[in-house]
N, C-alpha and C. Protein backbone atom coordinates (compact mmCIF):
# COMPACT_ATOMS: atom_id res chain seq x y z
N UNK A 1 0.77 -1.23 0.08
CA UNK A 1 -0.03 -0.06 -0.06
C UNK A 1 0.95 1.21 0.00
N UNK A 2 0.63 2.13 -0.87
CA UNK A 2 1.47 3.41 -0.92
C UNK A 2 0.51 4.61 -0.42
N UNK A 3 1.02 5.24 0.70
CA UNK A 3 0.25 6.35 1.28
C UNK A 3 0.95 7.55 0.91
N UNK A 4 0.42 8.49 0.29
CA UNK A 4 1.15 9.88 -0.08
C UNK A 4 0.97 10.53 1.19
N UNK A 5 2.03 11.32 1.56
CA UNK A 5 2.32 12.10 2.66
C UNK A 5 1.49 13.43 2.47
N UNK A 6 0.68 13.97 3.50
CA UNK A 6 0.02 15.11 3.26
C UNK A 6 1.05 16.28 3.32
N UNK A 7 0.83 17.59 2.73
CA UNK A 7 1.73 18.42 2.54
C UNK A 7 2.09 19.12 3.83
N UNK A 8 1.16 19.06 4.88
CA UNK A 8 1.49 19.54 6.28
C UNK A 8 1.06 18.48 7.20
N UNK A 9 1.81 17.52 7.54
CA UNK A 9 1.42 16.50 8.48
C UNK A 9 1.06 17.04 9.87
N UNK A 10 0.02 16.35 10.31
CA UNK A 10 -0.51 16.80 11.65
C UNK A 10 0.50 16.28 12.85
N UNK A 11 0.73 17.04 13.74
CA UNK A 11 1.52 16.68 14.94
C UNK A 11 0.64 16.07 15.90
N UNK A 12 1.29 15.52 17.04
CA UNK A 12 0.56 14.84 18.01
C UNK A 12 -0.26 16.06 18.85
N UNK A 13 -0.04 17.10 18.63
CA UNK A 13 -0.80 18.28 19.41
C UNK A 13 -1.65 18.97 18.42
N UNK A 14 -2.02 18.51 17.24
CA UNK A 14 -2.80 19.13 16.33
C UNK A 14 -4.20 19.34 16.84
N UNK A 15 -4.91 20.27 16.36
CA UNK A 15 -6.22 20.82 16.74
C UNK A 15 -7.24 20.05 15.99
N UNK A 16 -8.60 20.31 16.34
CA UNK A 16 -9.69 19.77 15.62
C UNK A 16 -9.57 20.09 14.27
N UNK A 17 -9.84 19.15 13.27
CA UNK A 17 -9.70 19.49 11.87
C UNK A 17 -10.73 20.53 11.44
N UNK A 18 -10.15 21.61 10.67
CA UNK A 18 -11.01 22.69 10.19
C UNK A 18 -12.13 22.17 9.32
N UNK A 19 -13.34 22.73 9.61
CA UNK A 19 -14.61 22.41 8.88
C UNK A 19 -15.20 21.21 9.50
N UNK A 20 -14.70 20.68 10.48
CA UNK A 20 -15.50 19.59 11.05
C UNK A 20 -16.69 19.94 11.78
N UNK A 21 -17.59 18.94 11.92
CA UNK A 21 -18.85 19.47 12.51
C UNK A 21 -18.77 19.78 14.04
N UNK A 22 -19.39 20.88 14.35
CA UNK A 22 -19.23 21.45 15.76
C UNK A 22 -19.88 20.48 16.77
N UNK A 23 -20.84 19.67 16.32
CA UNK A 23 -21.38 18.58 17.07
C UNK A 23 -20.66 17.48 17.72
N UNK A 24 -19.47 17.38 16.88
CA UNK A 24 -18.59 16.34 17.29
C UNK A 24 -17.31 16.93 17.96
N UNK A 25 -17.14 18.21 17.87
CA UNK A 25 -15.62 18.78 18.20
C UNK A 25 -15.26 18.64 19.70
N UNK A 26 -16.30 18.77 20.66
CA UNK A 26 -15.99 18.66 22.06
C UNK A 26 -15.74 17.13 22.50
N UNK A 27 -16.52 16.25 21.89
CA UNK A 27 -16.35 14.84 22.11
C UNK A 27 -15.00 14.40 21.37
N UNK A 28 -14.61 14.88 20.31
CA UNK A 28 -13.25 14.57 19.72
C UNK A 28 -12.22 14.88 20.64
N UNK A 29 -12.21 16.16 21.34
CA UNK A 29 -11.20 16.68 22.17
C UNK A 29 -11.00 15.84 23.29
N UNK A 30 -12.09 15.20 23.86
CA UNK A 30 -12.11 14.38 25.13
C UNK A 30 -11.69 12.94 24.76
N UNK A 31 -11.75 12.54 23.59
CA UNK A 31 -11.39 11.11 23.31
C UNK A 31 -10.16 10.97 22.45
N UNK A 32 -9.56 12.08 21.86
CA UNK A 32 -8.47 11.95 21.14
C UNK A 32 -7.12 11.35 21.86
N UNK A 33 -6.35 10.54 21.27
CA UNK A 33 -5.12 10.07 21.96
C UNK A 33 -3.89 10.25 21.16
N UNK A 34 -2.67 9.85 21.62
CA UNK A 34 -1.53 9.92 20.90
C UNK A 34 -1.52 9.27 19.55
N UNK A 35 -2.13 8.07 19.50
CA UNK A 35 -2.28 7.37 18.25
C UNK A 35 -3.12 8.13 17.30
N UNK A 36 -4.37 8.52 17.69
CA UNK A 36 -5.33 9.27 16.61
C UNK A 36 -4.90 10.59 16.36
N UNK A 37 -3.86 11.17 17.08
CA UNK A 37 -3.27 12.48 16.73
C UNK A 37 -2.02 12.47 16.02
N UNK A 38 -1.58 11.30 15.70
CA UNK A 38 -0.27 11.22 15.14
C UNK A 38 -0.33 11.51 13.48
N UNK A 39 0.68 11.82 13.03
CA UNK A 39 0.86 12.20 11.66
C UNK A 39 0.63 11.00 10.70
N UNK A 40 1.04 9.74 11.19
CA UNK A 40 0.82 8.54 10.44
C UNK A 40 -0.59 8.13 10.35
N UNK A 41 -1.37 8.38 11.52
CA UNK A 41 -2.71 8.01 11.48
C UNK A 41 -3.43 8.95 10.60
N UNK A 42 -3.11 10.28 10.52
CA UNK A 42 -3.63 11.32 9.65
C UNK A 42 -3.45 10.82 8.17
N UNK A 43 -2.28 10.53 7.95
CA UNK A 43 -2.00 10.00 6.57
C UNK A 43 -2.83 8.67 6.17
N UNK A 44 -3.07 7.80 6.99
CA UNK A 44 -3.75 6.69 6.75
C UNK A 44 -5.21 6.96 6.58
N UNK A 45 -5.82 7.85 7.35
CA UNK A 45 -7.16 8.33 7.31
C UNK A 45 -7.49 9.10 6.10
N UNK A 46 -6.51 9.93 5.63
CA UNK A 46 -6.65 10.56 4.38
C UNK A 46 -6.63 9.75 3.13
N UNK A 47 -5.82 8.68 3.23
CA UNK A 47 -5.71 7.66 2.13
C UNK A 47 -6.98 6.96 2.19
N UNK A 48 -7.50 6.61 3.27
CA UNK A 48 -8.87 5.77 3.22
C UNK A 48 -10.06 6.73 2.73
N UNK A 49 -9.96 7.81 3.00
CA UNK A 49 -11.00 8.81 2.49
C UNK A 49 -10.81 8.97 0.92
N UNK A 50 -9.74 9.09 0.50
CA UNK A 50 -9.39 9.25 -1.07
C UNK A 50 -10.01 7.82 -1.69
N UNK A 51 -9.70 6.67 -1.18
CA UNK A 51 -10.05 5.48 -1.73
C UNK A 51 -11.62 5.45 -1.75
N UNK A 52 -12.32 5.88 -0.72
CA UNK A 52 -13.67 5.78 -0.81
C UNK A 52 -14.32 6.89 -1.61
N UNK A 53 -13.62 8.03 -1.80
CA UNK A 53 -14.22 9.10 -2.68
C UNK A 53 -13.80 8.88 -4.07
N UNK A 54 -14.45 7.75 -4.67
CA UNK A 54 -13.84 7.31 -5.97
C UNK A 54 -14.23 8.35 -7.08
N UNK A 55 -15.44 9.19 -6.84
CA UNK A 55 -15.73 10.14 -7.88
C UNK A 55 -15.06 11.40 -7.61
N UNK A 56 -14.23 11.41 -6.64
CA UNK A 56 -13.52 12.70 -6.36
C UNK A 56 -14.20 14.02 -6.19
N UNK A 57 -15.31 13.87 -5.47
CA UNK A 57 -16.22 15.00 -5.26
C UNK A 57 -15.78 15.71 -3.91
N UNK A 58 -14.84 15.02 -2.98
CA UNK A 58 -14.49 15.72 -1.81
C UNK A 58 -15.61 15.39 -0.84
N UNK A 59 -16.61 14.37 -1.14
CA UNK A 59 -17.57 14.14 -0.12
C UNK A 59 -17.85 12.61 -0.24
N UNK A 60 -18.21 11.94 0.82
CA UNK A 60 -18.64 10.58 0.85
C UNK A 60 -19.94 10.37 1.50
N UNK A 61 -20.64 9.38 1.15
CA UNK A 61 -21.83 9.16 1.72
C UNK A 61 -21.88 8.24 3.01
N UNK A 62 -23.01 7.80 3.41
CA UNK A 62 -23.01 6.99 4.75
C UNK A 62 -22.21 5.62 4.63
N UNK A 63 -22.59 4.96 3.43
CA UNK A 63 -22.11 3.74 3.28
C UNK A 63 -20.55 3.72 2.92
N UNK A 64 -20.09 4.88 2.30
CA UNK A 64 -18.63 5.09 2.12
C UNK A 64 -17.82 5.27 3.37
N UNK A 65 -18.57 5.98 4.28
CA UNK A 65 -18.01 6.23 5.66
C UNK A 65 -17.63 4.99 6.41
N UNK A 66 -18.67 3.90 6.31
CA UNK A 66 -18.24 2.69 6.94
C UNK A 66 -17.28 2.04 6.30
N UNK A 67 -17.21 1.98 5.14
CA UNK A 67 -16.29 1.39 4.31
C UNK A 67 -14.85 1.84 4.62
N UNK A 68 -14.87 3.21 4.74
CA UNK A 68 -13.55 3.89 5.12
C UNK A 68 -13.02 3.44 6.51
N UNK A 69 -13.93 3.60 7.44
CA UNK A 69 -13.54 3.08 8.70
C UNK A 69 -13.04 1.61 8.89
N UNK A 70 -13.69 0.70 8.09
CA UNK A 70 -13.19 -0.69 8.00
C UNK A 70 -11.79 -0.66 7.45
N UNK A 71 -11.70 0.09 6.33
CA UNK A 71 -10.40 0.13 5.66
C UNK A 71 -9.17 0.60 6.68
N UNK A 72 -9.45 1.58 7.34
CA UNK A 72 -8.51 2.09 8.29
C UNK A 72 -8.20 0.95 9.39
N UNK A 73 -9.15 0.26 9.89
CA UNK A 73 -8.98 -0.84 10.87
C UNK A 73 -8.27 -1.91 10.34
N UNK A 74 -8.55 -2.29 9.06
CA UNK A 74 -7.82 -3.26 8.54
C UNK A 74 -6.36 -3.09 8.33
N UNK A 75 -6.03 -1.87 7.91
CA UNK A 75 -4.62 -1.44 7.84
C UNK A 75 -3.86 -1.40 9.05
N UNK A 76 -4.54 -0.92 10.15
CA UNK A 76 -3.83 -0.87 11.55
C UNK A 76 -3.78 -2.11 12.07
N UNK A 77 -4.70 -3.11 11.67
CA UNK A 77 -4.34 -4.52 12.25
C UNK A 77 -3.10 -5.14 11.77
N UNK A 78 -2.51 -4.65 10.67
CA UNK A 78 -1.29 -5.17 10.19
C UNK A 78 -0.15 -4.87 11.22
N UNK A 79 -0.20 -3.79 11.89
CA UNK A 79 0.71 -3.34 12.91
C UNK A 79 0.17 -3.74 14.31
N UNK A 80 -1.16 -3.38 14.68
CA UNK A 80 -1.52 -3.50 16.06
C UNK A 80 -2.07 -4.92 16.23
N UNK A 81 -2.29 -5.80 15.27
CA UNK A 81 -2.76 -7.17 15.51
C UNK A 81 -4.24 -7.17 15.98
N UNK A 82 -4.48 -8.01 16.79
CA UNK A 82 -5.83 -8.22 17.32
C UNK A 82 -6.49 -6.94 17.99
N UNK A 83 -5.77 -6.15 18.49
CA UNK A 83 -6.23 -4.86 19.06
C UNK A 83 -7.06 -3.99 17.99
N UNK A 84 -6.75 -4.11 16.86
CA UNK A 84 -7.41 -3.23 15.70
C UNK A 84 -8.56 -4.02 14.98
N UNK A 85 -8.81 -5.10 15.55
CA UNK A 85 -9.72 -6.11 14.74
C UNK A 85 -11.11 -5.99 15.30
N UNK A 86 -11.53 -4.82 16.11
CA UNK A 86 -12.86 -4.69 16.59
C UNK A 86 -13.43 -3.42 16.24
N UNK A 87 -13.65 -3.26 14.98
CA UNK A 87 -14.48 -1.99 14.41
C UNK A 87 -15.68 -1.78 15.01
N UNK A 88 -16.07 -0.50 14.93
CA UNK A 88 -17.57 -0.11 15.56
C UNK A 88 -18.68 -0.75 14.77
N UNK A 89 -19.82 -1.00 15.26
CA UNK A 89 -20.81 -1.40 14.56
C UNK A 89 -21.43 -0.51 13.50
N UNK A 90 -22.13 -0.83 12.45
CA UNK A 90 -22.63 0.03 11.66
C UNK A 90 -23.67 0.96 12.21
N UNK A 91 -24.41 0.51 13.37
CA UNK A 91 -25.32 1.38 14.03
C UNK A 91 -24.64 2.52 14.60
N UNK A 92 -23.50 2.42 15.14
CA UNK A 92 -22.69 3.35 16.02
C UNK A 92 -22.20 4.38 14.92
N UNK A 93 -21.62 3.90 13.73
CA UNK A 93 -21.09 4.73 12.56
C UNK A 93 -22.35 5.61 12.04
N UNK A 94 -23.43 4.91 11.97
CA UNK A 94 -24.60 5.82 11.39
C UNK A 94 -24.97 6.84 12.28
N UNK A 95 -24.95 6.68 13.72
CA UNK A 95 -25.17 7.64 14.63
C UNK A 95 -24.09 8.94 14.53
N UNK A 96 -22.96 8.46 14.27
CA UNK A 96 -21.81 9.52 14.06
C UNK A 96 -22.09 10.27 12.65
N UNK A 97 -22.40 9.55 11.69
CA UNK A 97 -22.65 10.21 10.39
C UNK A 97 -23.75 11.10 10.76
N UNK A 98 -24.91 10.83 11.30
CA UNK A 98 -26.06 11.76 11.46
C UNK A 98 -25.54 13.05 12.22
N UNK A 99 -24.70 12.84 13.24
CA UNK A 99 -24.26 13.91 14.13
C UNK A 99 -23.38 14.84 13.26
N UNK A 100 -22.61 14.33 12.23
CA UNK A 100 -21.64 15.16 11.59
C UNK A 100 -22.31 15.86 10.36
N UNK A 101 -23.48 15.23 9.89
CA UNK A 101 -24.21 15.84 8.75
C UNK A 101 -25.19 16.76 9.26
N UNK A 102 -24.78 17.76 9.67
CA UNK A 102 -25.71 18.79 10.27
C UNK A 102 -26.70 19.45 9.24
N UNK A 103 -26.33 19.44 7.97
CA UNK A 103 -27.21 20.13 7.11
C UNK A 103 -28.09 18.96 6.29
N UNK A 104 -28.11 17.75 6.77
CA UNK A 104 -28.78 16.73 6.13
C UNK A 104 -28.57 16.58 4.64
N UNK A 105 -27.39 16.75 4.24
CA UNK A 105 -27.04 16.49 2.81
C UNK A 105 -26.90 15.23 2.39
N UNK A 106 -26.71 14.25 3.24
CA UNK A 106 -26.42 12.86 2.92
C UNK A 106 -25.08 12.65 2.56
N UNK A 107 -24.09 13.66 2.95
CA UNK A 107 -22.63 13.43 2.67
C UNK A 107 -21.80 14.21 3.68
N UNK A 108 -20.70 13.67 3.84
CA UNK A 108 -19.80 14.39 4.80
C UNK A 108 -18.49 14.68 4.02
N UNK A 109 -17.74 15.80 4.44
CA UNK A 109 -16.50 16.04 3.74
C UNK A 109 -15.28 15.46 4.64
N UNK A 110 -14.02 15.66 4.15
CA UNK A 110 -12.88 14.89 4.62
C UNK A 110 -12.60 15.26 6.08
N UNK A 111 -12.74 16.56 6.43
CA UNK A 111 -12.56 16.90 7.83
C UNK A 111 -13.45 16.24 8.80
N UNK A 112 -14.69 16.04 8.39
CA UNK A 112 -15.56 15.23 9.20
C UNK A 112 -15.24 13.77 9.19
N UNK A 113 -14.89 13.34 8.19
CA UNK A 113 -14.38 11.86 8.00
C UNK A 113 -13.28 11.62 8.97
N UNK A 114 -12.29 12.47 8.88
CA UNK A 114 -11.09 12.38 9.90
C UNK A 114 -11.61 12.48 11.42
N UNK A 115 -12.46 13.26 11.78
CA UNK A 115 -12.94 13.36 12.95
C UNK A 115 -13.63 12.16 13.40
N UNK A 116 -14.43 11.53 12.53
CA UNK A 116 -15.28 10.32 12.96
C UNK A 116 -14.33 9.16 13.08
N UNK A 117 -13.33 9.09 12.12
CA UNK A 117 -12.28 7.86 12.30
C UNK A 117 -11.56 8.06 13.60
N UNK A 118 -11.13 9.11 14.04
CA UNK A 118 -10.57 9.31 15.19
C UNK A 118 -11.40 8.82 16.39
N UNK A 119 -12.73 9.19 16.38
CA UNK A 119 -13.50 8.80 17.42
C UNK A 119 -13.74 7.25 17.55
N UNK A 120 -13.87 6.72 16.33
CA UNK A 120 -14.00 5.17 16.24
C UNK A 120 -12.84 4.42 16.48
N UNK A 121 -11.71 5.14 16.58
CA UNK A 121 -10.35 4.27 16.79
C UNK A 121 -9.79 4.75 18.20
N UNK A 122 -10.64 5.39 18.96
CA UNK A 122 -10.05 5.97 20.20
C UNK A 122 -9.63 4.87 21.12
N UNK A 123 -10.23 3.64 21.18
CA UNK A 123 -9.83 2.62 22.10
C UNK A 123 -8.75 1.68 21.55
N UNK A 124 -8.22 1.87 20.39
CA UNK A 124 -7.34 1.01 20.04
C UNK A 124 -6.06 0.90 20.83
N UNK A 125 -5.64 2.06 21.14
CA UNK A 125 -4.47 2.21 22.13
C UNK A 125 -4.68 1.44 23.39
N UNK A 126 -5.94 1.54 24.00
CA UNK A 126 -6.31 0.73 25.18
C UNK A 126 -6.12 -0.72 24.97
N UNK A 127 -6.73 -1.21 23.81
CA UNK A 127 -6.61 -2.60 23.47
C UNK A 127 -5.26 -2.98 23.38
N UNK A 128 -4.30 -2.27 22.85
CA UNK A 128 -2.84 -2.60 22.62
C UNK A 128 -2.25 -2.77 24.01
N UNK A 129 -2.49 -1.91 24.94
CA UNK A 129 -2.04 -2.01 26.31
C UNK A 129 -2.60 -3.21 26.97
N UNK A 130 -3.83 -3.55 26.84
CA UNK A 130 -4.40 -4.71 27.44
C UNK A 130 -3.68 -6.01 26.80
N UNK A 131 -3.73 -6.03 25.48
CA UNK A 131 -3.12 -7.29 24.79
C UNK A 131 -1.90 -7.52 25.29
N UNK A 132 -0.97 -6.68 25.18
CA UNK A 132 0.50 -7.00 25.51
C UNK A 132 0.72 -7.14 27.00
N UNK A 133 -0.02 -6.39 27.76
CA UNK A 133 -0.02 -6.60 29.32
C UNK A 133 -0.31 -8.04 29.59
N UNK A 134 -1.35 -8.55 29.00
CA UNK A 134 -1.69 -9.94 29.33
C UNK A 134 -0.81 -10.86 28.65
N UNK A 135 -0.25 -10.59 27.44
CA UNK A 135 0.67 -11.50 26.79
C UNK A 135 2.05 -11.57 27.63
N UNK A 136 2.44 -10.54 28.15
CA UNK A 136 3.87 -10.37 28.82
C UNK A 136 3.76 -10.68 30.28
N UNK A 137 2.57 -10.24 30.91
CA UNK A 137 2.66 -10.27 32.36
C UNK A 137 1.75 -11.35 32.92
N UNK A 138 0.49 -11.44 32.54
CA UNK A 138 -0.46 -12.20 32.97
C UNK A 138 -0.56 -13.64 32.62
N UNK A 139 -0.57 -13.96 31.23
CA UNK A 139 -0.61 -15.34 30.79
C UNK A 139 0.46 -16.17 31.33
N UNK A 140 1.77 -15.87 31.32
CA UNK A 140 2.74 -16.85 31.89
C UNK A 140 2.63 -17.25 33.31
N UNK A 141 2.15 -16.17 34.17
CA UNK A 141 1.99 -16.49 35.56
C UNK A 141 0.72 -17.14 35.82
N UNK A 142 -0.35 -16.87 35.06
CA UNK A 142 -1.71 -17.28 35.46
C UNK A 142 -1.60 -18.84 34.89
N UNK A 143 -1.07 -19.05 33.74
CA UNK A 143 -0.85 -20.50 33.27
C UNK A 143 -0.25 -21.39 34.18
N UNK A 144 0.98 -20.96 34.81
CA UNK A 144 1.58 -21.68 35.84
C UNK A 144 0.80 -21.98 37.07
N UNK A 145 0.00 -20.88 37.39
CA UNK A 145 -1.00 -21.32 38.63
C UNK A 145 -2.09 -22.26 38.29
N UNK A 146 -2.67 -21.96 37.18
CA UNK A 146 -3.69 -23.06 36.71
C UNK A 146 -3.23 -24.49 36.62
N UNK A 147 -2.05 -24.56 35.95
CA UNK A 147 -1.56 -25.88 35.79
C UNK A 147 -1.29 -26.53 37.06
N UNK A 148 -0.65 -25.75 38.00
CA UNK A 148 -0.24 -26.29 39.38
C UNK A 148 -1.46 -26.69 40.03
N UNK A 149 -2.57 -25.91 40.10
CA UNK A 149 -3.82 -26.12 40.75
C UNK A 149 -4.46 -27.45 40.11
N UNK A 150 -4.50 -27.62 38.78
CA UNK A 150 -5.05 -28.74 38.17
C UNK A 150 -4.29 -30.09 38.58
N UNK A 151 -3.00 -29.99 38.69
CA UNK A 151 -2.23 -31.32 39.00
C UNK A 151 -2.34 -31.57 40.51
N UNK A 152 -2.38 -30.42 41.33
CA UNK A 152 -2.75 -30.72 42.76
C UNK A 152 -4.03 -31.23 42.88
N UNK A 153 -5.07 -30.91 42.13
CA UNK A 153 -6.33 -31.47 42.31
C UNK A 153 -6.48 -32.89 41.89
N UNK A 154 -5.69 -33.15 40.72
CA UNK A 154 -5.63 -34.46 40.36
C UNK A 154 -4.88 -35.51 41.26
N UNK A 155 -3.89 -35.07 41.93
CA UNK A 155 -3.11 -35.78 42.88
C UNK A 155 -4.04 -36.14 44.10
N UNK A 156 -4.86 -35.01 44.46
CA UNK A 156 -5.60 -35.30 45.71
C UNK A 156 -6.78 -36.03 45.50
N UNK A 157 -7.53 -35.80 44.30
CA UNK A 157 -8.85 -36.47 44.13
C UNK A 157 -8.65 -37.78 43.56
N UNK A 158 -7.70 -38.06 42.48
CA UNK A 158 -7.61 -39.14 41.73
C UNK A 158 -6.17 -39.89 41.85
N UNK A 159 -5.44 -39.51 42.84
CA UNK A 159 -4.20 -40.22 42.88
C UNK A 159 -3.17 -39.89 41.82
N UNK A 160 -3.52 -38.86 40.92
CA UNK A 160 -2.59 -38.72 39.66
C UNK A 160 -3.04 -39.40 38.48
N UNK A 161 -4.15 -40.12 38.51
CA UNK A 161 -4.56 -40.92 37.44
C UNK A 161 -4.70 -40.21 36.07
N UNK A 162 -5.35 -39.23 36.19
CA UNK A 162 -5.55 -38.34 34.86
C UNK A 162 -4.18 -38.02 34.15
N UNK A 163 -3.27 -37.63 35.07
CA UNK A 163 -1.82 -37.40 34.39
C UNK A 163 -1.25 -38.58 33.95
N UNK A 164 -1.38 -39.56 34.55
CA UNK A 164 -0.82 -40.90 34.07
C UNK A 164 -1.45 -41.38 32.72
N UNK A 165 -2.75 -41.22 32.61
CA UNK A 165 -3.54 -41.60 31.45
C UNK A 165 -3.05 -40.60 30.34
N UNK A 166 -3.11 -39.42 30.50
CA UNK A 166 -2.58 -38.42 29.46
C UNK A 166 -1.24 -38.75 28.94
N UNK A 167 -0.31 -38.89 29.74
CA UNK A 167 1.10 -39.14 29.46
C UNK A 167 1.37 -40.47 28.64
N UNK A 168 0.38 -41.50 28.81
CA UNK A 168 0.50 -42.72 28.14
C UNK A 168 -0.18 -42.68 26.84
N UNK A 169 -0.88 -41.65 26.58
CA UNK A 169 -1.74 -41.41 25.19
C UNK A 169 -0.76 -41.39 24.12
N UNK A 170 -0.77 -42.06 22.93
CA UNK A 170 0.02 -41.94 21.85
C UNK A 170 0.28 -40.68 21.42
N UNK A 171 -0.79 -39.96 21.18
CA UNK A 171 -0.72 -38.47 20.68
C UNK A 171 0.07 -37.69 21.49
N UNK A 172 -0.28 -37.70 22.87
CA UNK A 172 0.47 -37.03 23.97
C UNK A 172 2.03 -37.32 23.79
N UNK A 173 2.26 -38.53 23.75
CA UNK A 173 3.68 -38.89 23.75
C UNK A 173 4.35 -38.45 22.50
N UNK A 174 3.74 -38.35 21.42
CA UNK A 174 4.25 -37.74 20.28
C UNK A 174 4.67 -36.11 20.47
N UNK A 175 3.77 -35.58 21.06
CA UNK A 175 3.84 -34.16 21.39
C UNK A 175 4.98 -33.93 22.25
N UNK A 176 5.11 -34.97 23.28
CA UNK A 176 6.21 -34.69 24.19
C UNK A 176 7.58 -34.90 23.67
N UNK A 177 7.68 -35.45 22.44
CA UNK A 177 9.09 -35.83 21.84
C UNK A 177 9.53 -34.32 21.42
N UNK A 178 8.59 -33.26 21.28
CA UNK A 178 9.04 -31.94 20.80
C UNK A 178 9.11 -31.07 22.10
N UNK A 179 8.20 -31.14 23.06
CA UNK A 179 8.18 -30.17 24.07
C UNK A 179 8.03 -31.04 25.48
N UNK A 180 8.52 -30.34 26.49
CA UNK A 180 8.32 -31.08 27.83
C UNK A 180 6.82 -31.11 28.28
N UNK A 181 6.49 -31.92 29.18
CA UNK A 181 5.12 -31.98 29.77
C UNK A 181 4.63 -30.67 30.30
N UNK A 182 5.54 -29.98 30.88
CA UNK A 182 5.21 -28.74 31.58
C UNK A 182 4.96 -27.68 30.50
N UNK A 183 5.81 -27.56 29.55
CA UNK A 183 5.67 -26.66 28.40
C UNK A 183 4.48 -26.87 27.70
N UNK A 184 4.04 -28.02 27.47
CA UNK A 184 2.89 -28.42 26.72
C UNK A 184 1.61 -27.96 27.45
N UNK A 185 1.52 -28.20 28.81
CA UNK A 185 0.36 -27.96 29.52
C UNK A 185 0.26 -26.35 29.72
N UNK A 186 1.43 -25.75 29.94
CA UNK A 186 1.42 -24.25 29.87
C UNK A 186 0.92 -23.65 28.62
N UNK A 187 1.34 -24.15 27.51
CA UNK A 187 0.85 -23.54 26.17
C UNK A 187 -0.73 -23.87 26.03
N UNK A 188 -1.15 -24.95 26.38
CA UNK A 188 -2.58 -25.30 26.23
C UNK A 188 -3.47 -24.27 27.17
N UNK A 189 -2.96 -24.16 28.44
CA UNK A 189 -3.73 -23.27 29.15
C UNK A 189 -3.55 -21.80 28.67
N UNK A 190 -2.39 -21.25 28.16
CA UNK A 190 -2.24 -20.00 27.61
C UNK A 190 -3.02 -19.84 26.45
N UNK A 191 -3.25 -20.75 25.58
CA UNK A 191 -4.14 -20.66 24.34
C UNK A 191 -5.58 -20.45 24.81
N UNK A 192 -5.98 -21.23 25.84
CA UNK A 192 -7.36 -21.20 26.47
C UNK A 192 -7.59 -19.76 26.97
N UNK A 193 -6.63 -19.01 27.62
CA UNK A 193 -6.76 -17.79 28.14
C UNK A 193 -6.90 -16.65 27.02
N UNK A 194 -6.11 -17.02 25.86
CA UNK A 194 -6.20 -15.92 24.80
C UNK A 194 -7.70 -16.12 24.18
N UNK A 195 -8.10 -17.31 24.22
CA UNK A 195 -9.41 -17.47 23.37
C UNK A 195 -10.67 -17.08 24.26
N UNK A 196 -10.48 -16.94 25.67
CA UNK A 196 -11.40 -16.61 26.42
C UNK A 196 -11.22 -15.09 27.16
N UNK A 197 -10.12 -14.80 27.68
CA UNK A 197 -9.86 -13.63 28.39
C UNK A 197 -9.86 -12.54 27.50
N UNK A 198 -8.98 -12.48 26.46
CA UNK A 198 -8.71 -11.44 25.78
C UNK A 198 -10.16 -10.95 25.02
N UNK A 199 -10.86 -11.83 24.55
CA UNK A 199 -12.13 -11.29 23.73
C UNK A 199 -13.10 -10.80 24.81
N UNK A 200 -13.11 -11.25 25.97
CA UNK A 200 -14.04 -10.75 27.03
C UNK A 200 -13.50 -9.31 27.33
N UNK A 201 -12.39 -9.03 27.48
CA UNK A 201 -11.83 -7.72 27.85
C UNK A 201 -11.94 -6.69 26.63
N UNK A 202 -11.68 -7.17 25.42
CA UNK A 202 -12.11 -6.38 24.21
C UNK A 202 -13.61 -5.96 24.16
N UNK A 203 -14.43 -6.92 24.58
CA UNK A 203 -15.82 -6.72 24.50
C UNK A 203 -16.12 -5.59 25.51
N UNK A 204 -15.47 -5.70 26.72
CA UNK A 204 -15.79 -4.65 27.74
C UNK A 204 -15.38 -3.31 27.29
N UNK A 205 -14.26 -3.26 26.55
CA UNK A 205 -13.64 -1.89 26.09
C UNK A 205 -14.64 -1.35 24.91
N UNK A 206 -15.06 -2.26 24.08
CA UNK A 206 -16.03 -2.02 23.04
C UNK A 206 -17.39 -1.40 23.55
N UNK A 207 -17.87 -2.03 24.58
CA UNK A 207 -19.19 -1.54 25.22
C UNK A 207 -19.05 -0.02 25.81
N UNK A 208 -17.92 0.18 26.35
CA UNK A 208 -17.57 1.53 26.87
C UNK A 208 -17.36 2.57 25.53
N UNK A 209 -16.82 1.87 24.58
CA UNK A 209 -16.51 2.76 23.36
C UNK A 209 -17.99 3.31 22.74
N UNK A 210 -18.86 2.21 22.53
CA UNK A 210 -20.10 2.48 22.00
C UNK A 210 -20.93 3.28 22.83
N UNK A 211 -20.90 3.20 24.27
CA UNK A 211 -21.67 4.16 25.02
C UNK A 211 -21.14 5.53 24.89
N UNK A 212 -19.98 5.83 24.80
CA UNK A 212 -19.33 7.00 24.68
C UNK A 212 -19.56 7.64 23.11
N UNK A 213 -19.68 6.80 22.16
CA UNK A 213 -19.86 7.20 20.95
C UNK A 213 -21.31 7.69 20.81
N UNK A 214 -22.15 7.22 21.46
CA UNK A 214 -23.69 7.44 21.41
C UNK A 214 -23.99 8.82 21.89
N UNK A 215 -23.03 9.32 22.76
CA UNK A 215 -23.11 10.59 23.34
C UNK A 215 -22.98 11.66 22.29
N UNK A 216 -22.40 11.45 21.25
CA UNK A 216 -22.29 12.38 20.23
C UNK A 216 -23.67 12.96 19.73
N UNK A 217 -24.82 12.03 19.80
CA UNK A 217 -26.05 12.52 19.44
C UNK A 217 -26.65 13.65 20.13
N UNK A 218 -26.05 13.81 21.45
CA UNK A 218 -26.55 14.97 22.31
C UNK A 218 -25.18 15.48 23.11
N UNK A 219 -24.27 15.97 22.40
CA UNK A 219 -23.11 16.55 23.01
C UNK A 219 -23.26 17.68 24.05
């Protein structure tokens, strides 16, 4: 993907885009972050707007707005991973479009698009912090604790029979030729945590994001 640099890149301390809807301005100021204020994010957002503005009118409609937001999230996911894979729902984007389209023209300009993209991406930084905090700090420790508790329970209730049966299984023995028993159990528990804990935390962040986005209807 080739993204052309804007003539005057926005800095991290950039102000609200000129021409943006006043109904979103105060909300934009309260939710903007280092990520959404960065020059790289501004370039990506402008590139997405130009892709969606195929007829080069300088305006996009409601459907093109949602397509542009998805395009931004897909490109962010290349660098942020799972943290950027939770775009807002169509209903939330429609509410933001209605708030930005003050004259009911059925279209918005680039400045309004940039503002809406920033609002919709406000929690990506939070997800990145949550994701890597769990990855580096929580998962290894919690996996060890869970494995230890499971083996203690097995020894106490069944005299270690479950452990013996598992280790005698042909498939398990094949896996043990590559990794140790402790490493294998730790990895299984770690995968379970990633499939269960991280989606739950991201859902909680999304609920907060949707609640805050709806406030733009009555800023």
